[in-house]
Amino acid sequence: MSTKFKKALLALLILPASIHWLGITALGFMVFAHGTFYDISSFFVTVVMLIGLLALGVACFSVIRYPKISKFTIYSIGLGCASLTIALYMGLYTERQFLVSACSLYLGSALFMVDYARST
């Protein structure tokens, strides 16, 4: 596949889904951030949400600079996949739009990781 096609495919997979999960993460952060230092579960949920926000930002930025993929990109996208798995485990898989956007992010991150593994 050509670089332009891969970049367009990554943009199609990652950008709409990351906008969707950005809203979900921001809403969850507003809900759980007030209890961050009162309850240990709220603290861990807030940490997972911040990791997810970092991974979404890195993924969107990496789509723009696609052929240049660094180790930091791969590690942060891997952490983002882990936080997305935790979010789906918490019960967000019951809605169709969450599941479709999560699968889109998983496919985009798999494309990033496979392309990085092929280039090294």
PDB file of N, CA and C in Angstrom:
ATOM      1  N   MET A   1       0.839  -1.177   0.000  1.00  0.00           N
ATOM      2  CA  MET A   1       0.000   0.000   0.000  1.00  0.00           C
ATOM      3  C   MET A   1       0.883   1.240   0.000  1.00  0.00           C
ATOM      4  N   SER A   2       0.391   2.273  -0.605  1.00  0.00           N
ATOM      5  CA  SER A   2       1.159   3.513  -0.649  1.00  0.00           C
ATOM      6  C   SER A   2       1.022   4.272   0.673  1.00  0.00           C
ATOM      7  N   THR A   3       1.926   5.195   0.868  1.00  0.00           N
ATOM      8  CA  THR A   3       1.934   5.976   2.103  1.00  0.00           C
ATOM      9  C   THR A   3       0.705   6.865   2.208  1.00  0.00           C
ATOM     10  N   LYS A   4       0.283   7.443   1.096  1.00  0.00           N
ATOM     11  CA  LYS A   4      -0.903   8.308   1.131  1.00  0.00           C
ATOM     12  C   LYS A   4      -2.155   7.513   1.474  1.00  0.00           C
ATOM     13  N   PHE A   5      -2.256   6.298   0.935  1.00  0.00           N
ATOM     14  CA  PHE A   5      -3.417   5.466   1.239  1.00  0.00           C
ATOM     15  C   PHE A   5      -3.425   5.066   2.711  1.00  0.00           C
ATOM     16  N   LYS A   6      -2.266   4.690   3.245  1.00  0.00           N
ATOM     17  CA  LYS A   6      -2.183   4.333   4.662  1.00  0.00           C
ATOM     18  C   LYS A   6      -2.516   5.518   5.556  1.00  0.00           C
ATOM     19  N   LYS A   7      -2.036   6.690   5.170  1.00  0.00           N
ATOM     20  CA  LYS A   7      -2.313   7.891   5.962  1.00  0.00           C
ATOM     21  C   LYS A   7      -3.802   8.220   5.938  1.00  0.00           C
ATOM     22  N   ALA A   8      -4.435   8.078   4.772  1.00  0.00           N
ATOM     23  CA  ALA A   8      -5.876   8.329   4.671  1.00  0.00           C
ATOM     24  C   ALA A   8      -6.663   7.292   5.464  1.00  0.00           C
ATOM     25  N   LEU A   9      -6.226   6.041   5.413  1.00  0.00           N
ATOM     26  CA  LEU A   9      -6.897   4.990   6.168  1.00  0.00           C
ATOM     27  C   LEU A   9      -6.764   5.222   7.671  1.00  0.00           C
ATOM     28  N   LEU A  10      -5.574   5.596   8.114  1.00  0.00           N
ATOM     29  CA  LEU A  10      -5.381   5.896   9.535  1.00  0.00           C
ATOM     30  C   LEU A  10      -6.206   7.099   9.972  1.00  0.00           C
ATOM     31  N   ALA A  11      -6.265   8.110   9.119  1.00  0.00           N
ATOM     32  CA  ALA A  11      -7.079   9.288   9.454  1.00  0.00           C
ATOM     33  C   ALA A  11      -8.553   8.919   9.537  1.00  0.00           C
ATOM     34  N   LEU A  12      -9.008   8.052   8.643  1.00  0.00           N
ATOM     35  CA  LEU A  12     -10.407   7.626   8.651  1.00  0.00           C
ATOM     36  C   LEU A  12     -10.720   6.772   9.879  1.00  0.00           C
ATOM     37  N   LEU A  13      -9.771   5.968  10.301  1.00  0.00           N
ATOM     38  CA  LEU A  13     -10.000   5.110  11.460  1.00  0.00           C
ATOM     39  C   LEU A  13      -9.850   5.850  12.783  1.00  0.00           C
ATOM     40  N   ILE A  14      -8.836   6.679  12.907  1.00  0.00           N
ATOM     41  CA  ILE A  14      -8.481   7.220  14.221  1.00  0.00           C
ATOM     42  C   ILE A  14      -9.159   8.549  14.541  1.00  0.00           C
ATOM     43  N   LEU A  15      -9.195   9.476  13.605  1.00  0.00           N
ATOM     44  CA  LEU A  15      -9.667  10.825  13.946  1.00  0.00           C
ATOM     45  C   LEU A  15     -11.128  10.881  14.397  1.00  0.00           C
ATOM     46  N   PRO A  16     -12.108  10.294  13.683  1.00  0.00           N
ATOM     47  CA  PRO A  16     -13.486  10.367  14.200  1.00  0.00           C
ATOM     48  C   PRO A  16     -13.670   9.635  15.530  1.00  0.00           C
ATOM     49  N   ALA A  17     -13.036   8.473  15.661  1.00  0.00           N
ATOM     50  CA  ALA A  17     -13.171   7.713  16.905  1.00  0.00           C
ATOM     51  C   ALA A  17     -12.492   8.425  18.068  1.00  0.00           C
ATOM     52  N   SER A  18     -11.377   9.105  17.796  1.00  0.00           N
ATOM     53  CA  SER A  18     -10.698   9.804  18.889  1.00  0.00           C
ATOM     54  C   SER A  18     -11.488  11.026  19.336  1.00  0.00           C
ATOM     55  N   ILE A  19     -12.185  11.678  18.424  1.00  0.00           N
ATOM     56  CA  ILE A  19     -13.053  12.789  18.828  1.00  0.00           C
ATOM     57  C   ILE A  19     -14.183  12.269  19.713  1.00  0.00           C
ATOM     58  N   HIS A  20     -14.732  11.118  19.357  1.00  0.00           N
ATOM     59  CA  HIS A  20     -15.797  10.507  20.153  1.00  0.00           C
ATOM     60  C   HIS A  20     -15.290  10.140  21.548  1.00  0.00           C
ATOM     61  N   TRP A  21     -14.144   9.480  21.625  1.00  0.00           N
ATOM     62  CA  TRP A  21     -13.613   9.080  22.921  1.00  0.00           C
ATOM     63  C   TRP A  21     -13.056  10.251  23.710  1.00  0.00           C
ATOM     64  N   LEU A  22     -12.686  11.332  23.041  1.00  0.00           N
ATOM     65  CA  LEU A  22     -12.264  12.536  23.751  1.00  0.00           C
ATOM     66  C   LEU A  22     -13.426  13.096  24.561  1.00  0.00           C
ATOM     67  N   GLY A  23     -14.613  13.119  23.974  1.00  0.00           N
ATOM     68  CA  GLY A  23     -15.793  13.576  24.700  1.00  0.00           C
ATOM     69  C   GLY A  23     -16.139  12.675  25.866  1.00  0.00           C
ATOM     70  N   ILE A  24     -16.059  11.373  25.652  1.00  0.00           N
ATOM     71  CA  ILE A  24     -16.356  10.424  26.725  1.00  0.00           C
ATOM     72  C   ILE A  24     -15.341  10.560  27.857  1.00  0.00           C
ATOM     73  N   THR A  25     -14.077  10.707  27.511  1.00  0.00           N
ATOM     74  CA  THR A  25     -13.030  10.830  28.523  1.00  0.00           C
ATOM     75  C   THR A  25     -13.153  12.137  29.286  1.00  0.00           C
ATOM     76  N   ALA A  26     -13.465  13.216  28.599  1.00  0.00           N
ATOM     77  CA  ALA A  26     -13.631  14.503  29.279  1.00  0.00           C
ATOM     78  C   ALA A  26     -14.819  14.460  30.235  1.00  0.00           C
ATOM     79  N   LEU A  27     -15.913  13.842  29.810  1.00  0.00           N
ATOM     80  CA  LEU A  27     -17.074  13.714  30.684  1.00  0.00           C
ATOM     81  C   LEU A  27     -16.747  12.841  31.895  1.00  0.00           C
ATOM     82  N   GLY A  28     -16.073  11.731  31.678  1.00  0.00           N
ATOM     83  CA  GLY A  28     -15.677  10.868  32.788  1.00  0.00           C
ATOM     84  C   GLY A  28     -14.706  11.547  33.727  1.00  0.00           C
ATOM     85  N   PHE A  29     -13.813  12.350  33.170  1.00  0.00           N
ATOM     86  CA  PHE A  29     -12.868  13.077  34.013  1.00  0.00           C
ATOM     87  C   PHE A  29     -13.601  14.071  34.904  1.00  0.00           C
ATOM     88  N   MET A  30     -14.610  14.746  34.360  1.00  0.00           N
ATOM     89  CA  MET A  30     -15.380  15.687  35.180  1.00  0.00           C
ATOM     90  C   MET A  30     -16.139  14.958  36.279  1.00  0.00           C
ATOM     91  N   VAL A  31     -16.601  13.749  36.011  1.00  0.00           N
ATOM     92  CA  VAL A  31     -17.360  13.000  37.005  1.00  0.00           C
ATOM     93  C   VAL A  31     -16.451  12.454  38.103  1.00  0.00           C
ATOM     94  N   PHE A  32     -15.306  11.870  37.716  1.00  0.00           N
ATOM     95  CA  PHE A  32     -14.469  11.174  38.689  1.00  0.00           C
ATOM     96  C   PHE A  32     -13.369  12.030  39.296  1.00  0.00           C
ATOM     97  N   ALA A  33     -13.061  13.187  38.733  1.00  0.00           N
ATOM     98  CA  ALA A  33     -11.929  13.974  39.222  1.00  0.00           C
ATOM     99  C   ALA A  33     -12.172  14.554  40.612  1.00  0.00           C
ATOM    100  N   HIS A  34     -13.432  14.825  40.951  1.00  0.00           N
ATOM    101  CA  HIS A  34     -13.679  15.412  42.274  1.00  0.00           C
ATOM    102  C   HIS A  34     -13.401  14.420  43.404  1.00  0.00           C
ATOM    103  N   GLY A  35     -13.487  13.125  43.122  1.00  0.00           N
ATOM    104  CA  GLY A  35     -13.232  12.132  44.155  1.00  0.00           C
ATOM    105  C   GLY A  35     -11.879  11.470  44.040  1.00  0.00           C
ATOM    106  N   THR A  36     -10.966  12.107  43.324  1.00  0.00           N
ATOM    107  CA  THR A  36      -9.670  11.491  43.051  1.00  0.00           C
ATOM    108  C   THR A  36      -8.907  11.169  44.327  1.00  0.00           C
ATOM    109  N   PHE A  37      -8.909  12.073  45.277  1.00  0.00           N
ATOM    110  CA  PHE A  37      -8.114  11.872  46.484  1.00  0.00           C
ATOM    111  C   PHE A  37      -8.942  11.370  47.663  1.00  0.00           C
ATOM    112  N   TYR A  38     -10.210  11.024  47.412  1.00  0.00           N
ATOM    113  CA  TYR A  38     -11.043  10.481  48.474  1.00  0.00           C
ATOM    114  C   TYR A  38     -11.231   8.977  48.356  1.00  0.00           C
ATOM    115  N   ASP A  39     -11.180   8.476  47.140  1.00  0.00           N
ATOM    116  CA  ASP A  39     -11.465   7.071  46.896  1.00  0.00           C
ATOM    117  C   ASP A  39     -10.407   6.505  45.959  1.00  0.00           C
ATOM    118  N   ILE A  40      -9.904   5.335  46.262  1.00  0.00           N
ATOM    119  CA  ILE A  40      -8.824   4.758  45.460  1.00  0.00           C
ATOM    120  C   ILE A  40      -9.316   4.358  44.068  1.00  0.00           C
ATOM    121  N   SER A  41     -10.564   3.911  43.957  1.00  0.00           N
ATOM    122  CA  SER A  41     -11.066   3.536  42.629  1.00  0.00           C
ATOM    123  C   SER A  41     -11.233   4.763  41.741  1.00  0.00           C
ATOM    124  N   SER A  42     -11.666   5.877  42.310  1.00  0.00           N
ATOM    125  CA  SER A  42     -11.758   7.114  41.526  1.00  0.00           C
ATOM    126  C   SER A  42     -10.382   7.590  41.088  1.00  0.00           C
ATOM    127  N   PHE A  43      -9.391   7.394  41.939  1.00  0.00           N
ATOM    128  CA  PHE A  43      -8.028   7.769  41.574  1.00  0.00           C
ATOM    129  C   PHE A  43      -7.545   6.963  40.375  1.00  0.00           C
ATOM    130  N   PHE A  44      -7.758   5.646  40.414  1.00  0.00           N
ATOM    131  CA  PHE A  44      -7.294   4.809  39.311  1.00  0.00           C
ATOM    132  C   PHE A  44      -8.072   5.071  38.025  1.00  0.00           C
ATOM    133  N   VAL A  45      -9.359   5.327  38.133  1.00  0.00           N
ATOM    134  CA  VAL A  45     -10.144   5.656  36.939  1.00  0.00           C
ATOM    135  C   VAL A  45      -9.669   6.973  36.343  1.00  0.00           C
ATOM    136  N   THR A  46      -9.344   7.941  37.187  1.00  0.00           N
ATOM    137  CA  THR A  46      -8.829   9.221  36.695  1.00  0.00           C
ATOM    138  C   THR A  46      -7.467   9.046  36.023  1.00  0.00           C
ATOM    139  N   VAL A  47      -6.603   8.221  36.593  1.00  0.00           N
ATOM    140  CA  VAL A  47      -5.295   7.962  35.976  1.00  0.00           C
ATOM    141  C   VAL A  47      -5.466   7.284  34.622  1.00  0.00           C
ATOM    142  N   VAL A  48      -6.366   6.312  34.545  1.00  0.00           N
ATOM    143  CA  VAL A  48      -6.617   5.627  33.271  1.00  0.00           C
ATOM    144  C   VAL A  48      -7.168   6.604  32.239  1.00  0.00           C
ATOM    145  N   MET A  49      -8.034   7.516  32.667  1.00  0.00           N
ATOM    146  CA  MET A  49      -8.569   8.511  31.727  1.00  0.00           C
ATOM    147  C   MET A  49      -7.487   9.459  31.236  1.00  0.00           C
ATOM    148  N   LEU A  50      -6.593   9.864  32.107  1.00  0.00           N
ATOM    149  CA  LEU A  50      -5.492  10.733  31.672  1.00  0.00           C
ATOM    150  C   LEU A  50      -4.557  10.010  30.705  1.00  0.00           C
ATOM    151  N   ILE A  51      -4.310   8.726  30.950  1.00  0.00           N
ATOM    152  CA  ILE A  51      -3.503   7.939  30.010  1.00  0.00           C
ATOM    153  C   ILE A  51      -4.216   7.838  28.668  1.00  0.00           C
ATOM    154  N   GLY A  52      -5.524   7.643  28.702  1.00  0.00           N
ATOM    155  CA  GLY A  52      -6.300   7.592  27.466  1.00  0.00           C
ATOM    156  C   GLY A  52      -6.267   8.902  26.707  1.00  0.00           C
ATOM    157  N   LEU A  53      -6.346  10.020  27.427  1.00  0.00           N
ATOM    158  CA  LEU A  53      -6.255  11.326  26.763  1.00  0.00           C
ATOM    159  C   LEU A  53      -4.892  11.532  26.122  1.00  0.00           C
ATOM    160  N   LEU A  54      -3.832  11.131  26.818  1.00  0.00           N
ATOM    161  CA  LEU A  54      -2.486  11.230  26.249  1.00  0.00           C
ATOM    162  C   LEU A  54      -2.378  10.380  24.989  1.00  0.00           C
ATOM    163  N   ALA A  55      -2.896   9.170  25.047  1.00  0.00           N
ATOM    164  CA  ALA A  55      -2.811   8.276  23.890  1.00  0.00           C
ATOM    165  C   ALA A  55      -3.622   8.802  22.713  1.00  0.00           C
ATOM    166  N   LEU A  56      -4.778   9.401  22.983  1.00  0.00           N
ATOM    167  CA  LEU A  56      -5.571   9.980  21.893  1.00  0.00           C
ATOM    168  C   LEU A  56      -4.840  11.137  21.235  1.00  0.00           C
ATOM    169  N   GLY A  57      -4.214  11.974  22.049  1.00  0.00           N
ATOM    170  CA  GLY A  57      -3.452  13.088  21.483  1.00  0.00           C
ATOM    171  C   GLY A  57      -2.279  12.618  20.653  1.00  0.00           C
ATOM    172  N   VAL A  58      -1.565  11.621  21.163  1.00  0.00           N
ATOM    173  CA  VAL A  58      -0.417  11.090  20.422  1.00  0.00           C
ATOM    174  C   VAL A  58      -0.870  10.418  19.133  1.00  0.00           C
ATOM    175  N   ALA A  59      -1.985   9.690  19.178  1.00  0.00           N
ATOM    176  CA  ALA A  59      -2.477   9.017  17.973  1.00  0.00           C
ATOM    177  C   ALA A  59      -2.896  10.027  16.909  1.00  0.00           C
ATOM    178  N   CYS A  60      -3.589  11.089  17.316  1.00  0.00           N
ATOM    179  CA  CYS A  60      -3.992  12.113  16.338  1.00  0.00           C
ATOM    180  C   CYS A  60      -2.774  12.823  15.755  1.00  0.00           C
ATOM    181  N   PHE A  61      -1.811  13.126  16.588  1.00  0.00           N
ATOM    182  CA  PHE A  61      -0.599  13.783  16.104  1.00  0.00           C
ATOM    183  C   PHE A  61       0.204  12.856  15.196  1.00  0.00           C
ATOM    184  N   SER A  62       0.196  11.562  15.495  1.00  0.00           N
ATOM    185  CA  SER A  62       0.943  10.603  14.680  1.00  0.00           C
ATOM    186  C   SER A  62       0.300  10.372  13.326  1.00  0.00           C
ATOM    187  N   VAL A  63      -1.011  10.535  13.240  1.00  0.00           N
ATOM    188  CA  VAL A  63      -1.671  10.432  11.936  1.00  0.00           C
ATOM    189  C   VAL A  63      -1.195  11.561  11.036  1.00  0.00           C
ATOM    190  N   ILE A  64      -1.015  12.733  11.605  1.00  0.00           N
ATOM    191  CA  ILE A  64      -0.570  13.881  10.812  1.00  0.00           C
ATOM    192  C   ILE A  64       0.864  13.674  10.333  1.00  0.00           C
ATOM    193  N   ARG A  65       1.743  13.170  11.192  1.00  0.00           N
ATOM    194  CA  ARG A  65       3.141  12.950  10.799  1.00  0.00           C
ATOM    195  C   ARG A  65       3.389  11.488  10.481  1.00  0.00           C
ATOM    196  N   TYR A  66       2.522  10.826   9.753  1.00  0.00           N
ATOM    197  CA  TYR A  66       2.485   9.369   9.649  1.00  0.00           C
ATOM    198  C   TYR A  66       3.792   8.652   9.348  1.00  0.00           C
ATOM    199  N   PRO A  67       4.523   8.928   8.324  1.00  0.00           N
ATOM    200  CA  PRO A  67       5.650   8.016   8.082  1.00  0.00           C
ATOM    201  C   PRO A  67       6.691   8.008   9.199  1.00  0.00           C
ATOM    202  N   LYS A  68       6.718   9.038  10.023  1.00  0.00           N
ATOM    203  CA  LYS A  68       7.681   9.110  11.126  1.00  0.00           C
ATOM    204  C   LYS A  68       7.004   8.619  12.409  1.00  0.00           C
ATOM    205  N   ILE A  69       7.230   7.356  12.744  1.00  0.00           N
ATOM    206  CA  ILE A  69       6.651   6.762  13.942  1.00  0.00           C
ATOM    207  C   ILE A  69       7.792   6.478  14.913  1.00  0.00           C
ATOM    208  N   SER A  70       7.645   6.941  16.150  1.00  0.00           N
ATOM    209  CA  SER A  70       8.702   6.745  17.145  1.00  0.00           C
ATOM    210  C   SER A  70       8.298   5.662  18.147  1.00  0.00           C
ATOM    211  N   LYS A  71       9.243   5.290  18.996  1.00  0.00           N
ATOM    212  CA  LYS A  71       8.952   4.319  20.051  1.00  0.00           C
ATOM    213  C   LYS A  71       7.948   4.883  21.047  1.00  0.00           C
ATOM    214  N   PHE A  72       8.047   6.180  21.324  1.00  0.00           N
ATOM    215  CA  PHE A  72       7.098   6.819  22.236  1.00  0.00           C
ATOM    216  C   PHE A  72       5.676   6.688  21.709  1.00  0.00           C
ATOM    217  N   THR A  73       5.514   6.838  20.407  1.00  0.00           N
ATOM    218  CA  THR A  73       4.195   6.686  19.795  1.00  0.00           C
ATOM    219  C   THR A  73       3.663   5.283  20.022  1.00  0.00           C
ATOM    220  N   ILE A  74       4.486   4.297  19.796  1.00  0.00           N
ATOM    221  CA  ILE A  74       4.051   2.909  19.945  1.00  0.00           C
ATOM    222  C   ILE A  74       3.728   2.589  21.401  1.00  0.00           C
ATOM    223  N   TYR A  75       4.563   3.045  22.329  1.00  0.00           N
ATOM    224  CA  TYR A  75       4.303   2.785  23.745  1.00  0.00           C
ATOM    225  C   TYR A  75       3.033   3.486  24.223  1.00  0.00           C
ATOM    226  N   SER A  76       2.842   4.729  23.819  1.00  0.00           N
ATOM    227  CA  SER A  76       1.647   5.447  24.277  1.00  0.00           C
ATOM    228  C   SER A  76       0.386   4.894  23.628  1.00  0.00           C
ATOM    229  N   ILE A  77       0.476   4.455  22.381  1.00  0.00           N
ATOM    230  CA  ILE A  77      -0.696   3.841  21.753  1.00  0.00           C
ATOM    231  C   ILE A  77      -1.008   2.502  22.423  1.00  0.00           C
ATOM    232  N   GLY A  78       0.015   1.766  22.826  1.00  0.00           N
ATOM    233  CA  GLY A  78      -0.209   0.529  23.574  1.00  0.00           C
ATOM    234  C   GLY A  78      -0.878   0.782  24.913  1.00  0.00           C
ATOM    235  N   LEU A  79      -0.441   1.830  25.616  1.00  0.00           N
ATOM    236  CA  LEU A  79      -1.108   2.207  26.871  1.00  0.00           C
ATOM    237  C   LEU A  79      -2.536   2.665  26.618  1.00  0.00           C
ATOM    238  N   GLY A  80      -2.753   3.349  25.493  1.00  0.00           N
ATOM    239  CA  GLY A  80      -4.106   3.764  25.134  1.00  0.00           C
ATOM    240  C   GLY A  80      -5.012   2.580  24.865  1.00  0.00           C
ATOM    241  N   CYS A  81      -4.476   1.544  24.236  1.00  0.00           N
ATOM    242  CA  CYS A  81      -5.262   0.323  24.016  1.00  0.00           C
ATOM    243  C   CYS A  81      -5.617  -0.335  25.346  1.00  0.00           C
ATOM    244  N   ALA A  82      -4.682  -0.312  26.282  1.00  0.00           N
ATOM    245  CA  ALA A  82      -4.961  -0.876  27.604  1.00  0.00           C
ATOM    246  C   ALA A  82      -6.042  -0.082  28.327  1.00  0.00           C
ATOM    247  N   SER A  83      -5.976   1.241  28.255  1.00  0.00           N
ATOM    248  CA  SER A  83      -7.006   2.047  28.923  1.00  0.00           C
ATOM    249  C   SER A  83      -8.350   1.912  28.215  1.00  0.00           C
ATOM    250  N   LEU A  84      -8.336   1.727  26.903  1.00  0.00           N
ATOM    251  CA  LEU A  84      -9.588   1.502  26.172  1.00  0.00           C
ATOM    252  C   LEU A  84     -10.192   0.157  26.549  1.00  0.00           C
ATOM    253  N   THR A  85      -9.360  -0.838  26.769  1.00  0.00           N
ATOM    254  CA  THR A  85      -9.850  -2.141  27.214  1.00  0.00           C
ATOM    255  C   THR A  85     -10.478  -2.034  28.599  1.00  0.00           C
ATOM    256  N   ILE A  86      -9.873  -1.251  29.481  1.00  0.00           N
ATOM    257  CA  ILE A  86     -10.449  -1.035  30.810  1.00  0.00           C
ATOM    258  C   ILE A  86     -11.789  -0.318  30.699  1.00  0.00           C
ATOM    259  N   ALA A  87     -11.876   0.676  29.812  1.00  0.00           N
ATOM    260  CA  ALA A  87     -13.141   1.399  29.631  1.00  0.00           C
ATOM    261  C   ALA A  87     -14.226   0.478  29.093  1.00  0.00           C
ATOM    262  N   LEU A  88     -13.871  -0.395  28.175  1.00  0.00           N
ATOM    263  CA  LEU A  88     -14.859  -1.339  27.656  1.00  0.00           C
ATOM    264  C   LEU A  88     -15.253  -2.358  28.718  1.00  0.00           C
ATOM    265  N   TYR A  89     -14.310  -2.735  29.565  1.00  0.00           N
ATOM    266  CA  TYR A  89     -14.610  -3.668  30.646  1.00  0.00           C
ATOM    267  C   TYR A  89     -15.567  -3.047  31.664  1.00  0.00           C
ATOM    268  N   MET A  90     -15.487  -1.720  31.826  1.00  0.00           N
ATOM    269  CA  MET A  90     -16.352  -1.040  32.787  1.00  0.00           C
ATOM    270  C   MET A  90     -17.801  -0.981  32.324  1.00  0.00           C
ATOM    271  N   GLY A  91     -18.084  -1.392  31.107  1.00  0.00           N
ATOM    272  CA  GLY A  91     -19.466  -1.479  30.666  1.00  0.00           C
ATOM    273  C   GLY A  91     -19.824  -0.605  29.498  1.00  0.00           C
ATOM    274  N   LEU A  92     -18.851   0.021  28.871  1.00  0.00           N
ATOM    275  CA  LEU A  92     -19.167   0.885  27.740  1.00  0.00           C
ATOM    276  C   LEU A  92     -19.375   0.110  26.448  1.00  0.00           C
ATOM    277  N   TYR A  93     -19.233  -1.217  26.500  1.00  0.00           N
ATOM    278  CA  TYR A  93     -19.419  -2.020  25.299  1.00  0.00           C
ATOM    279  C   TYR A  93     -20.886  -2.270  24.984  1.00  0.00           C
ATOM    280  N   THR A  94     -21.786  -1.876  25.857  1.00  0.00           N
ATOM    281  CA  THR A  94     -23.200  -2.138  25.620  1.00  0.00           C
ATOM    282  C   THR A  94     -23.787  -1.222  24.555  1.00  0.00           C
ATOM    283  N   GLU A  95     -23.186  -0.079  24.329  1.00  0.00           N
ATOM    284  CA  GLU A  95     -23.653   0.835  23.289  1.00  0.00           C
ATOM    285  C   GLU A  95     -22.906   0.568  21.989  1.00  0.00           C
ATOM    286  N   ARG A  96     -23.633   0.564  20.887  1.00  0.00           N
ATOM    287  CA  ARG A  96     -23.041   0.236  19.594  1.00  0.00           C
ATOM    288  C   ARG A  96     -21.990   1.245  19.162  1.00  0.00           C
ATOM    289  N   GLN A  97     -22.228   2.542  19.389  1.00  0.00           N
ATOM    290  CA  GLN A  97     -21.267   3.548  18.927  1.00  0.00           C
ATOM    291  C   GLN A  97     -19.947   3.464  19.685  1.00  0.00           C
ATOM    292  N   PHE A  98     -19.987   3.091  20.964  1.00  0.00           N
ATOM    293  CA  PHE A  98     -18.747   2.910  21.713  1.00  0.00           C
ATOM    294  C   PHE A  98     -17.951   1.731  21.170  1.00  0.00           C
ATOM    295  N   LEU A  99     -18.657   0.656  20.864  1.00  0.00           N
ATOM    296  CA  LEU A  99     -17.985  -0.538  20.361  1.00  0.00           C
ATOM    297  C   LEU A  99     -17.401  -0.314  18.972  1.00  0.00           C
ATOM    298  N   VAL A 100     -18.122   0.384  18.108  1.00  0.00           N
ATOM    299  CA  VAL A 100     -17.621   0.656  16.753  1.00  0.00           C
ATOM    300  C   VAL A 100     -16.407   1.575  16.805  1.00  0.00           C
ATOM    301  N   SER A 101     -16.470   2.632  17.612  1.00  0.00           N
ATOM    302  CA  SER A 101     -15.328   3.544  17.692  1.00  0.00           C
ATOM    303  C   SER A 101     -14.137   2.883  18.386  1.00  0.00           C
ATOM    304  N   ALA A 102     -14.392   2.010  19.351  1.00  0.00           N
ATOM    305  CA  ALA A 102     -13.289   1.288  19.993  1.00  0.00           C
ATOM    306  C   ALA A 102     -12.616   0.335  19.009  1.00  0.00           C
ATOM    307  N   CYS A 103     -13.404  -0.367  18.211  1.00  0.00           N
ATOM    308  CA  CYS A 103     -12.816  -1.252  17.190  1.00  0.00           C
ATOM    309  C   CYS A 103     -12.029  -0.451  16.171  1.00  0.00           C
ATOM    310  N   SER A 104     -12.510   0.727  15.841  1.00  0.00           N
ATOM    311  CA  SER A 104     -11.790   1.593  14.909  1.00  0.00           C
ATOM    312  C   SER A 104     -10.446   2.019  15.489  1.00  0.00           C
ATOM    313  N   LEU A 105     -10.424   2.373  16.765  1.00  0.00           N
ATOM    314  CA  LEU A 105      -9.155   2.740  17.404  1.00  0.00           C
ATOM    315  C   LEU A 105      -8.211   1.547  17.519  1.00  0.00           C
ATOM    316  N   TYR A 106      -8.765   0.369  17.812  1.00  0.00           N
ATOM    317  CA  TYR A 106      -7.922  -0.829  17.871  1.00  0.00           C
ATOM    318  C   TYR A 106      -7.300  -1.137  16.513  1.00  0.00           C
ATOM    319  N   LEU A 107      -8.083  -1.027  15.437  1.00  0.00           N
ATOM    320  CA  LEU A 107      -7.545  -1.284  14.096  1.00  0.00           C
ATOM    321  C   LEU A 107      -6.476  -0.266  13.722  1.00  0.00           C
ATOM    322  N   GLY A 108      -6.726   0.998  14.038  1.00  0.00           N
ATOM    323  CA  GLY A 108      -5.732   2.033  13.750  1.00  0.00           C
ATOM    324  C   GLY A 108      -4.446   1.826  14.521  1.00  0.00           C
ATOM    325  N   SER A 109      -4.570   1.456  15.787  1.00  0.00           N
ATOM    326  CA  SER A 109      -3.356   1.216  16.573  1.00  0.00           C
ATOM    327  C   SER A 109      -2.629  -0.030  16.095  1.00  0.00           C
ATOM    328  N   ALA A 110      -3.369  -1.033  15.645  1.00  0.00           N
ATOM    329  CA  ALA A 110      -2.713  -2.224  15.095  1.00  0.00           C
ATOM    330  C   ALA A 110      -1.953  -1.878  13.819  1.00  0.00           C
ATOM    331  N   LEU A 111      -2.521  -1.012  12.988  1.00  0.00           N
ATOM    332  CA  LEU A 111      -1.812  -0.582  11.781  1.00  0.00           C
ATOM    333  C   LEU A 111      -0.529   0.165  12.133  1.00  0.00           C
ATOM    334  N   PHE A 112      -0.601   1.039  13.137  1.00  0.00           N
ATOM    335  CA  PHE A 112       0.607   1.742  13.586  1.00  0.00           C
ATOM    336  C   PHE A 112       1.674   0.758  14.054  1.00  0.00           C
ATOM    337  N   MET A 113       1.275  -0.193  14.884  1.00  0.00           N
ATOM    338  CA  MET A 113       2.251  -1.113  15.467  1.00  0.00           C
ATOM    339  C   MET A 113       2.848  -2.054  14.425  1.00  0.00           C
ATOM    340  N   VAL A 114       2.024  -2.552  13.514  1.00  0.00           N
ATOM    341  CA  VAL A 114       2.537  -3.437  12.466  1.00  0.00           C
ATOM    342  C   VAL A 114       3.474  -2.677  11.543  1.00  0.00           C
ATOM    343  N   ASP A 115       3.119  -1.452  11.205  1.00  0.00           N
ATOM    344  CA  ASP A 115       3.978  -0.662  10.330  1.00  0.00           C
ATOM    345  C   ASP A 115       5.304  -0.331  11.012  1.00  0.00           C
ATOM    346  N   TYR A 116       5.258  -0.063  12.311  1.00  0.00           N
ATOM    347  CA  TYR A 116       6.504   0.197  13.038  1.00  0.00           C
ATOM    348  C   TYR A 116       7.364  -1.064  13.107  1.00  0.00           C
ATOM    349  N   ALA A 117       6.723  -2.212  13.332  1.00  0.00           N
ATOM    350  CA  ALA A 117       7.479  -3.463  13.408  1.00  0.00           C
ATOM    351  C   ALA A 117       8.103  -3.817  12.058  1.00  0.00           C
ATOM    352  N   ARG A 118       7.427  -3.513  10.974  1.00  0.00           N
ATOM    353  CA  ARG A 118       7.984  -3.791   9.649  1.00  0.00           C
ATOM    354  C   ARG A 118       9.139  -2.862   9.308  1.00  0.00           C
ATOM    355  N   SER A 119       9.107  -1.653   9.829  1.00  0.00           N
ATOM    356  CA  SER A 119      10.151  -0.690   9.472  1.00  0.00           C
ATOM    357  C   SER A 119      11.427  -0.866  10.293  1.00  0.00           C
ATOM    358  N   THR A 120      11.350  -1.586  11.419  1.00  0.00           N
ATOM    359  CA  THR A 120      12.560  -1.777  12.228  1.00  0.00           C
ATOM    360  C   THR A 120      13.189  -3.123  11.973  1.00  0.00           C
TER     361      THR A 120
END
